[in-house]
Amino acid sequence: MMDEMTDWSKTYCRGCKAEEDMHRPIEDHWWARRDAYGIFTGIYCDDCYNSDDSDRYPYKKDSYAKDLEHGEHIYPEEERY
């Protein structure tokens, strides 16, 4: 019975496929990662998360640029106010 549990009681890093014990709920796993806005992005080990390789962790860790920071706007000026 214990051997049958072993297959589903593991989780894997989405970057390098490292194996770790399963933890439920999965969002509370010690490898659970979130982007700058708190959206769950998946399970990534520390090595993949801290690497600068976008193949290992493809999500942004800092906030996304806002249009006002770059002087660009979607709507014409008269529609913004």
PDB file of N, CA and C in Angstrom:
ATOM      1  N   MET A   1       0.825  -1.197   0.000  1.00  0.00           N
ATOM      2  CA  MET A   1       0.000   0.000   0.000  1.00  0.00           C
ATOM      3  C   MET A   1       0.869   1.261   0.000  1.00  0.00           C
ATOM      4  N   MET A   2       1.953   1.261   0.729  1.00  0.00           N
ATOM      5  CA  MET A   2       2.813   2.439   0.814  1.00  0.00           C
ATOM      6  C   MET A   2       3.462   2.761  -0.532  1.00  0.00           C
ATOM      7  N   ASP A   3       3.826   1.725  -1.324  1.00  0.00           N
ATOM      8  CA  ASP A   3       4.435   1.962  -2.627  1.00  0.00           C
ATOM      9  C   ASP A   3       3.465   2.656  -3.574  1.00  0.00           C
ATOM     10  N   GLU A   4       2.174   2.340  -3.452  1.00  0.00           N
ATOM     11  CA  GLU A   4       1.182   2.989  -4.293  1.00  0.00           C
ATOM     12  C   GLU A   4       1.057   4.469  -3.954  1.00  0.00           C
ATOM     13  N   MET A   5       1.216   4.826  -2.692  1.00  0.00           N
ATOM     14  CA  MET A   5       1.115   6.222  -2.273  1.00  0.00           C
ATOM     15  C   MET A   5       2.300   7.048  -2.756  1.00  0.00           C
ATOM     16  N   THR A   6       3.450   6.428  -2.913  1.00  0.00           N
ATOM     17  CA  THR A   6       4.662   7.150  -3.263  1.00  0.00           C
ATOM     18  C   THR A   6       4.524   7.897  -4.589  1.00  0.00           C
ATOM     19  N   ASP A   7       3.846   7.316  -5.573  1.00  0.00           N
ATOM     20  CA  ASP A   7       3.729   7.939  -6.887  1.00  0.00           C
ATOM     21  C   ASP A   7       2.967   9.253  -6.846  1.00  0.00           C
ATOM     22  N   TRP A   8       1.902   9.330  -6.080  1.00  0.00           N
ATOM     23  CA  TRP A   8       1.097  10.542  -6.078  1.00  0.00           C
ATOM     24  C   TRP A   8       1.400  11.459  -4.911  1.00  0.00           C
ATOM     25  N   SER A   9       2.307  11.077  -4.026  1.00  0.00           N
ATOM     26  CA  SER A   9       2.616  11.907  -2.871  1.00  0.00           C
ATOM     27  C   SER A   9       3.832  12.807  -3.114  1.00  0.00           C
ATOM     28  N   LYS A  10       4.191  12.967  -4.365  1.00  0.00           N
ATOM     29  CA  LYS A  10       5.320  13.827  -4.732  1.00  0.00           C
ATOM     30  C   LYS A  10       4.834  14.947  -5.641  1.00  0.00           C
ATOM     31  N   THR A  11       5.541  16.051  -5.624  1.00  0.00           N
ATOM     32  CA  THR A  11       5.293  17.132  -6.569  1.00  0.00           C
ATOM     33  C   THR A  11       6.632  17.482  -7.211  1.00  0.00           C
ATOM     34  N   TYR A  12       6.582  18.159  -8.334  1.00  0.00           N
ATOM     35  CA  TYR A  12       7.796  18.418  -9.096  1.00  0.00           C
ATOM     36  C   TYR A  12       7.904  19.889  -9.466  1.00  0.00           C
ATOM     37  N   CYS A  13       9.127  20.385  -9.444  1.00  0.00           N
ATOM     38  CA  CYS A  13       9.407  21.747  -9.879  1.00  0.00           C
ATOM     39  C   CYS A  13       9.069  21.850 -11.364  1.00  0.00           C
ATOM     40  N   ARG A  14       8.357  22.908 -11.753  1.00  0.00           N
ATOM     41  CA  ARG A  14       7.993  23.086 -13.160  1.00  0.00           C
ATOM     42  C   ARG A  14       9.180  23.526 -14.006  1.00  0.00           C
ATOM     43  N   GLY A  15      10.267  23.971 -13.361  1.00  0.00           N
ATOM     44  CA  GLY A  15      11.439  24.422 -14.106  1.00  0.00           C
ATOM     45  C   GLY A  15      12.438  23.319 -14.395  1.00  0.00           C
ATOM     46  N   CYS A  16      12.841  22.587 -13.353  1.00  0.00           N
ATOM     47  CA  CYS A  16      13.894  21.583 -13.536  1.00  0.00           C
ATOM     48  C   CYS A  16      13.433  20.169 -13.214  1.00  0.00           C
ATOM     49  N   LYS A  17      12.186  20.008 -12.835  1.00  0.00           N
ATOM     50  CA  LYS A  17      11.579  18.709 -12.530  1.00  0.00           C
ATOM     51  C   LYS A  17      12.145  18.072 -11.259  1.00  0.00           C
ATOM     52  N   ALA A  18      12.724  18.885 -10.361  1.00  0.00           N
ATOM     53  CA  ALA A  18      13.181  18.361  -9.071  1.00  0.00           C
ATOM     54  C   ALA A  18      11.977  17.834  -8.299  1.00  0.00           C
ATOM     55  N   GLU A  19      12.186  16.794  -7.531  1.00  0.00           N
ATOM     56  CA  GLU A  19      11.106  16.132  -6.809  1.00  0.00           C
ATOM     57  C   GLU A  19      11.060  16.594  -5.355  1.00  0.00           C
ATOM     58  N   GLU A  20       9.853  16.758  -4.835  1.00  0.00           N
ATOM     59  CA  GLU A  20       9.673  17.180  -3.439  1.00  0.00           C
ATOM     60  C   GLU A  20       8.400  16.537  -2.916  1.00  0.00           C
ATOM     61  N   ASP A  21       8.288  16.421  -1.608  1.00  0.00           N
ATOM     62  CA  ASP A  21       7.084  15.860  -1.004  1.00  0.00           C
ATOM     63  C   ASP A  21       5.882  16.758  -1.278  1.00  0.00           C
ATOM     64  N   MET A  22       4.741  16.124  -1.473  1.00  0.00           N
ATOM     65  CA  MET A  22       3.498  16.845  -1.726  1.00  0.00           C
ATOM     66  C   MET A  22       3.031  17.520  -0.445  1.00  0.00           C
ATOM     67  N   HIS A  23       2.420  18.650  -0.603  1.00  0.00           N
ATOM     68  CA  HIS A  23       1.847  19.382   0.524  1.00  0.00           C
ATOM     69  C   HIS A  23       0.507  19.918   0.058  1.00  0.00           C
ATOM     70  N   ARG A  24      -0.539  19.678   0.830  1.00  0.00           N
ATOM     71  CA  ARG A  24      -1.877  20.161   0.479  1.00  0.00           C
ATOM     72  C   ARG A  24      -2.335  21.195   1.471  1.00  0.00           C
ATOM     73  N   PRO A  25      -2.991  22.246   1.096  1.00  0.00           N
ATOM     74  CA  PRO A  25      -3.266  22.627  -0.286  1.00  0.00           C
ATOM     75  C   PRO A  25      -1.984  23.045  -1.001  1.00  0.00           C
ATOM     76  N   ILE A  26      -1.941  22.809  -2.275  1.00  0.00           N
ATOM     77  CA  ILE A  26      -0.721  23.018  -3.060  1.00  0.00           C
ATOM     78  C   ILE A  26      -0.264  24.469  -3.035  1.00  0.00           C
ATOM     79  N   GLU A  27      -1.174  25.421  -2.866  1.00  0.00           N
ATOM     80  CA  GLU A  27      -0.798  26.842  -2.812  1.00  0.00           C
ATOM     81  C   GLU A  27       0.008  27.167  -1.556  1.00  0.00           C
ATOM     82  N   ASP A  28      -0.013  26.271  -0.559  1.00  0.00           N
ATOM     83  CA  ASP A  28       0.763  26.473   0.670  1.00  0.00           C
ATOM     84  C   ASP A  28       2.079  25.711   0.669  1.00  0.00           C
ATOM     85  N   HIS A  29       2.408  25.048  -0.424  1.00  0.00           N
ATOM     86  CA  HIS A  29       3.672  24.314  -0.533  1.00  0.00           C
ATOM     87  C   HIS A  29       4.830  25.294  -0.407  1.00  0.00           C
ATOM     88  N   TRP A  30       5.947  24.868   0.155  1.00  0.00           N
ATOM     89  CA  TRP A  30       7.103  25.757   0.356  1.00  0.00           C
ATOM     90  C   TRP A  30       7.755  26.158  -0.955  1.00  0.00           C
ATOM     91  N   TRP A  31       7.441  25.498  -2.058  1.00  0.00           N
ATOM     92  CA  TRP A  31       7.928  25.911  -3.380  1.00  0.00           C
ATOM     93  C   TRP A  31       6.861  26.664  -4.176  1.00  0.00           C
ATOM     94  N   ALA A  32       5.698  26.893  -3.607  1.00  0.00           N
ATOM     95  CA  ALA A  32       4.630  27.601  -4.324  1.00  0.00           C
ATOM     96  C   ALA A  32       5.076  29.043  -4.585  1.00  0.00           C
ATOM     97  N   ARG A  33       4.921  29.491  -5.802  1.00  0.00           N
ATOM     98  CA  ARG A  33       5.358  30.840  -6.176  1.00  0.00           C
ATOM     99  C   ARG A  33       4.173  31.661  -6.670  1.00  0.00           C
ATOM    100  N   ARG A  34       4.310  32.957  -6.492  1.00  0.00           N
ATOM    101  CA  ARG A  34       3.294  33.904  -6.945  1.00  0.00           C
ATOM    102  C   ARG A  34       3.982  35.067  -7.646  1.00  0.00           C
ATOM    103  N   ASP A  35       3.263  35.678  -8.575  1.00  0.00           N
ATOM    104  CA  ASP A  35       3.836  36.844  -9.247  1.00  0.00           C
ATOM    105  C   ASP A  35       3.677  38.072  -8.353  1.00  0.00           C
ATOM    106  N   ALA A  36       4.019  39.226  -8.872  1.00  0.00           N
ATOM    107  CA  ALA A  36       4.013  40.464  -8.082  1.00  0.00           C
ATOM    108  C   ALA A  36       2.621  40.821  -7.574  1.00  0.00           C
ATOM    109  N   TYR A  37       1.583  40.263  -8.189  1.00  0.00           N
ATOM    110  CA  TYR A  37       0.213  40.580  -7.796  1.00  0.00           C
ATOM    111  C   TYR A  37      -0.424  39.492  -6.946  1.00  0.00           C
ATOM    112  N   GLY A  38       0.368  38.482  -6.546  1.00  0.00           N
ATOM    113  CA  GLY A  38      -0.140  37.425  -5.692  1.00  0.00           C
ATOM    114  C   GLY A  38      -0.837  36.297  -6.417  1.00  0.00           C
ATOM    115  N   ILE A  39      -0.763  36.263  -7.733  1.00  0.00           N
ATOM    116  CA  ILE A  39      -1.389  35.199  -8.511  1.00  0.00           C
ATOM    117  C   ILE A  39      -0.473  33.977  -8.508  1.00  0.00           C
ATOM    118  N   PHE A  40      -1.018  32.827  -8.149  1.00  0.00           N
ATOM    119  CA  PHE A  40      -0.258  31.583  -8.091  1.00  0.00           C
ATOM    120  C   PHE A  40       0.283  31.230  -9.469  1.00  0.00           C
ATOM    121  N   THR A  41       1.606  31.015  -9.572  1.00  0.00           N
ATOM    122  CA  THR A  41       2.221  30.698 -10.860  1.00  0.00           C
ATOM    123  C   THR A  41       2.678  29.253 -10.954  1.00  0.00           C
ATOM    124  N   GLY A  42       2.728  28.542  -9.845  1.00  0.00           N
ATOM    125  CA  GLY A  42       3.105  27.139  -9.891  1.00  0.00           C
ATOM    126  C   GLY A  42       4.137  26.782  -8.841  1.00  0.00           C
ATOM    127  N   ILE A  43       4.655  25.566  -8.965  1.00  0.00           N
ATOM    128  CA  ILE A  43       5.656  25.039  -8.049  1.00  0.00           C
ATOM    129  C   ILE A  43       7.023  25.144  -8.721  1.00  0.00           C
ATOM    130  N   TYR A  44       7.900  25.939  -8.139  1.00  0.00           N
ATOM    131  CA  TYR A  44       9.264  26.125  -8.645  1.00  0.00           C
ATOM    132  C   TYR A  44      10.228  26.053  -7.477  1.00  0.00           C
ATOM    133  N   CYS A  45      11.308  25.269  -7.613  1.00  0.00           N
ATOM    134  CA  CYS A  45      12.307  25.177  -6.550  1.00  0.00           C
ATOM    135  C   CYS A  45      13.039  26.513  -6.416  1.00  0.00           C
ATOM    136  N   ASP A  46      13.784  26.664  -5.333  1.00  0.00           N
ATOM    137  CA  ASP A  46      14.509  27.912  -5.090  1.00  0.00           C
ATOM    138  C   ASP A  46      15.512  28.218  -6.193  1.00  0.00           C
ATOM    139  N   ASP A  47      16.197  27.183  -6.698  1.00  0.00           N
ATOM    140  CA  ASP A  47      17.197  27.403  -7.752  1.00  0.00           C
ATOM    141  C   ASP A  47      16.559  27.969  -9.017  1.00  0.00           C
ATOM    142  N   CYS A  48      15.430  27.412  -9.413  1.00  0.00           N
ATOM    143  CA  CYS A  48      14.749  27.903 -10.623  1.00  0.00           C
ATOM    144  C   CYS A  48      14.156  29.286 -10.388  1.00  0.00           C
ATOM    145  N   TYR A  49      13.546  29.489  -9.230  1.00  0.00           N
ATOM    146  CA  TYR A  49      12.918  30.769  -8.941  1.00  0.00           C
ATOM    147  C   TYR A  49      13.942  31.903  -8.892  1.00  0.00           C
ATOM    148  N   ASN A  50      15.098  31.638  -8.315  1.00  0.00           N
ATOM    149  CA  ASN A  50      16.121  32.677  -8.152  1.00  0.00           C
ATOM    150  C   ASN A  50      17.035  32.824  -9.359  1.00  0.00           C
ATOM    151  N   SER A  51      16.893  31.956 -10.353  1.00  0.00           N
ATOM    152  CA  SER A  51      17.734  32.059 -11.545  1.00  0.00           C
ATOM    153  C   SER A  51      17.223  33.194 -12.434  1.00  0.00           C
ATOM    154  N   ASP A  52      18.090  33.682 -13.294  1.00  0.00           N
ATOM    155  CA  ASP A  52      17.699  34.710 -14.258  1.00  0.00           C
ATOM    156  C   ASP A  52      17.289  34.092 -15.590  1.00  0.00           C
ATOM    157  N   ASP A  53      17.135  32.765 -15.606  1.00  0.00           N
ATOM    158  CA  ASP A  53      16.795  32.032 -16.811  1.00  0.00           C
ATOM    159  C   ASP A  53      15.273  31.974 -16.963  1.00  0.00           C
ATOM    160  N   SER A  54      14.729  32.616 -17.981  1.00  0.00           N
ATOM    161  CA  SER A  54      13.276  32.654 -18.158  1.00  0.00           C
ATOM    162  C   SER A  54      12.703  31.294 -18.552  1.00  0.00           C
ATOM    163  N   ASP A  55      13.535  30.360 -18.965  1.00  0.00           N
ATOM    164  CA  ASP A  55      13.050  29.012 -19.243  1.00  0.00           C
ATOM    165  C   ASP A  55      12.759  28.265 -17.946  1.00  0.00           C
ATOM    166  N   ARG A  56      13.452  28.626 -16.883  1.00  0.00           N
ATOM    167  CA  ARG A  56      13.257  27.950 -15.590  1.00  0.00           C
ATOM    168  C   ARG A  56      12.143  28.583 -14.767  1.00  0.00           C
ATOM    169  N   TYR A  57      11.998  29.920 -14.819  1.00  0.00           N
ATOM    170  CA  TYR A  57      10.888  30.619 -14.167  1.00  0.00           C
ATOM    171  C   TYR A  57      10.446  31.747 -15.090  1.00  0.00           C
ATOM    172  N   PRO A  58       9.380  31.533 -15.872  1.00  0.00           N
ATOM    173  CA  PRO A  58       9.007  32.486 -16.928  1.00  0.00           C
ATOM    174  C   PRO A  58       8.178  33.688 -16.478  1.00  0.00           C
ATOM    175  N   TYR A  59       7.852  33.789 -15.197  1.00  0.00           N
ATOM    176  CA  TYR A  59       6.979  34.874 -14.738  1.00  0.00           C
ATOM    177  C   TYR A  59       7.776  36.028 -14.138  1.00  0.00           C
ATOM    178  N   LYS A  60       7.197  37.229 -14.202  1.00  0.00           N
ATOM    179  CA  LYS A  60       7.841  38.401 -13.608  1.00  0.00           C
ATOM    180  C   LYS A  60       7.695  38.353 -12.095  1.00  0.00           C
ATOM    181  N   LYS A  61       8.755  38.723 -11.389  1.00  0.00           N
ATOM    182  CA  LYS A  61       8.727  38.756  -9.926  1.00  0.00           C
ATOM    183  C   LYS A  61       8.404  40.150  -9.403  1.00  0.00           C
ATOM    184  N   ASP A  62       8.593  41.147 -10.235  1.00  0.00           N
ATOM    185  CA  ASP A  62       8.293  42.521  -9.824  1.00  0.00           C
ATOM    186  C   ASP A  62       7.031  42.990 -10.539  1.00  0.00           C
ATOM    187  N   SER A  63       6.568  44.157 -10.202  1.00  0.00           N
ATOM    188  CA  SER A  63       5.312  44.634 -10.787  1.00  0.00           C
ATOM    189  C   SER A  63       5.500  44.984 -12.260  1.00  0.00           C
ATOM    190  N   TYR A  64       4.430  44.895 -12.979  1.00  0.00           N
ATOM    191  CA  TYR A  64       4.450  45.221 -14.393  1.00  0.00           C
ATOM    192  C   TYR A  64       4.424  46.738 -14.564  1.00  0.00           C
ATOM    193  N   ALA A  65       4.987  47.211 -15.651  1.00  0.00           N
ATOM    194  CA  ALA A  65       5.037  48.645 -15.905  1.00  0.00           C
ATOM    195  C   ALA A  65       3.634  49.193 -16.108  1.00  0.00           C
ATOM    196  N   LYS A  66       3.415  50.381 -15.617  1.00  0.00           N
ATOM    197  CA  LYS A  66       2.138  51.054 -15.804  1.00  0.00           C
ATOM    198  C   LYS A  66       2.288  52.065 -16.927  1.00  0.00           C
ATOM    199  N   ASP A  67       1.230  52.279 -17.676  1.00  0.00           N
ATOM    200  CA  ASP A  67       1.336  53.172 -18.833  1.00  0.00           C
ATOM    201  C   ASP A  67       1.725  54.596 -18.437  1.00  0.00           C
ATOM    202  N   LEU A  68       1.305  55.054 -17.269  1.00  0.00           N
ATOM    203  CA  LEU A  68       1.638  56.413 -16.862  1.00  0.00           C
ATOM    204  C   LEU A  68       3.131  56.593 -16.579  1.00  0.00           C
ATOM    205  N   GLU A  69       3.823  55.517 -16.231  1.00  0.00           N
ATOM    206  CA  GLU A  69       5.255  55.613 -15.969  1.00  0.00           C
ATOM    207  C   GLU A  69       6.054  55.826 -17.254  1.00  0.00           C
ATOM    208  N   HIS A  70       5.474  55.490 -18.374  1.00  0.00           N
ATOM    209  CA  HIS A  70       6.186  55.563 -19.641  1.00  0.00           C
ATOM    210  C   HIS A  70       5.633  56.614 -20.583  1.00  0.00           C
ATOM    211  N   GLY A  71       4.660  57.382 -20.121  1.00  0.00           N
ATOM    212  CA  GLY A  71       4.103  58.443 -20.938  1.00  0.00           C
ATOM    213  C   GLY A  71       3.211  57.968 -22.055  1.00  0.00           C
ATOM    214  N   GLU A  72       2.749  56.725 -21.978  1.00  0.00           N
ATOM    215  CA  GLU A  72       1.873  56.199 -23.009  1.00  0.00           C
ATOM    216  C   GLU A  72       0.475  56.023 -22.438  1.00  0.00           C
ATOM    217  N   HIS A  73      -0.530  56.272 -23.257  1.00  0.00           N
ATOM    218  CA  HIS A  73      -1.901  56.120 -22.825  1.00  0.00           C
ATOM    219  C   HIS A  73      -2.695  55.377 -23.887  1.00  0.00           C
ATOM    220  N   ILE A  74      -3.665  54.630 -23.441  1.00  0.00           N
ATOM    221  CA  ILE A  74      -4.516  53.893 -24.362  1.00  0.00           C
ATOM    222  C   ILE A  74      -5.543  54.825 -24.989  1.00  0.00           C
ATOM    223  N   TYR A  75      -6.100  55.729 -24.183  1.00  0.00           N
ATOM    224  CA  TYR A  75      -7.167  56.612 -24.631  1.00  0.00           C
ATOM    225  C   TYR A  75      -6.637  58.023 -24.895  1.00  0.00           C
ATOM    226  N   PRO A  76      -7.273  58.735 -25.780  1.00  0.00           N
ATOM    227  CA  PRO A  76      -6.893  60.136 -26.011  1.00  0.00           C
ATOM    228  C   PRO A  76      -7.085  60.960 -24.729  1.00  0.00           C
ATOM    229  N   GLU A  77      -6.382  62.060 -24.636  1.00  0.00           N
ATOM    230  CA  GLU A  77      -6.393  62.873 -23.418  1.00  0.00           C
ATOM    231  C   GLU A  77      -7.801  63.307 -23.003  1.00  0.00           C
ATOM    232  N   GLU A  78      -8.631  63.684 -23.937  1.00  0.00           N
ATOM    233  CA  GLU A  78      -9.973  64.162 -23.576  1.00  0.00           C
ATOM    234  C   GLU A  78     -10.841  63.046 -22.970  1.00  0.00           C
ATOM    235  N   GLU A  79     -10.534  61.798 -23.243  1.00  0.00           N
ATOM    236  CA  GLU A  79     -11.305  60.685 -22.697  1.00  0.00           C
ATOM    237  C   GLU A  79     -10.784  60.223 -21.341  1.00  0.00           C
ATOM    238  N   ARG A  80      -9.619  60.681 -20.948  1.00  0.00           N
ATOM    239  CA  ARG A  80      -9.019  60.222 -19.691  1.00  0.00           C
ATOM    240  C   ARG A  80      -9.540  60.979 -18.483  1.00  0.00           C
ATOM    241  N   TYR A  81     -10.127  62.136 -18.658  1.00  0.00           N
ATOM    242  CA  TYR A  81     -10.514  62.949 -17.502  1.00  0.00           C
ATOM    243  C   TYR A  81     -11.985  63.129 -17.391  1.00  0.00           C
TER     244      TYR A  81
END
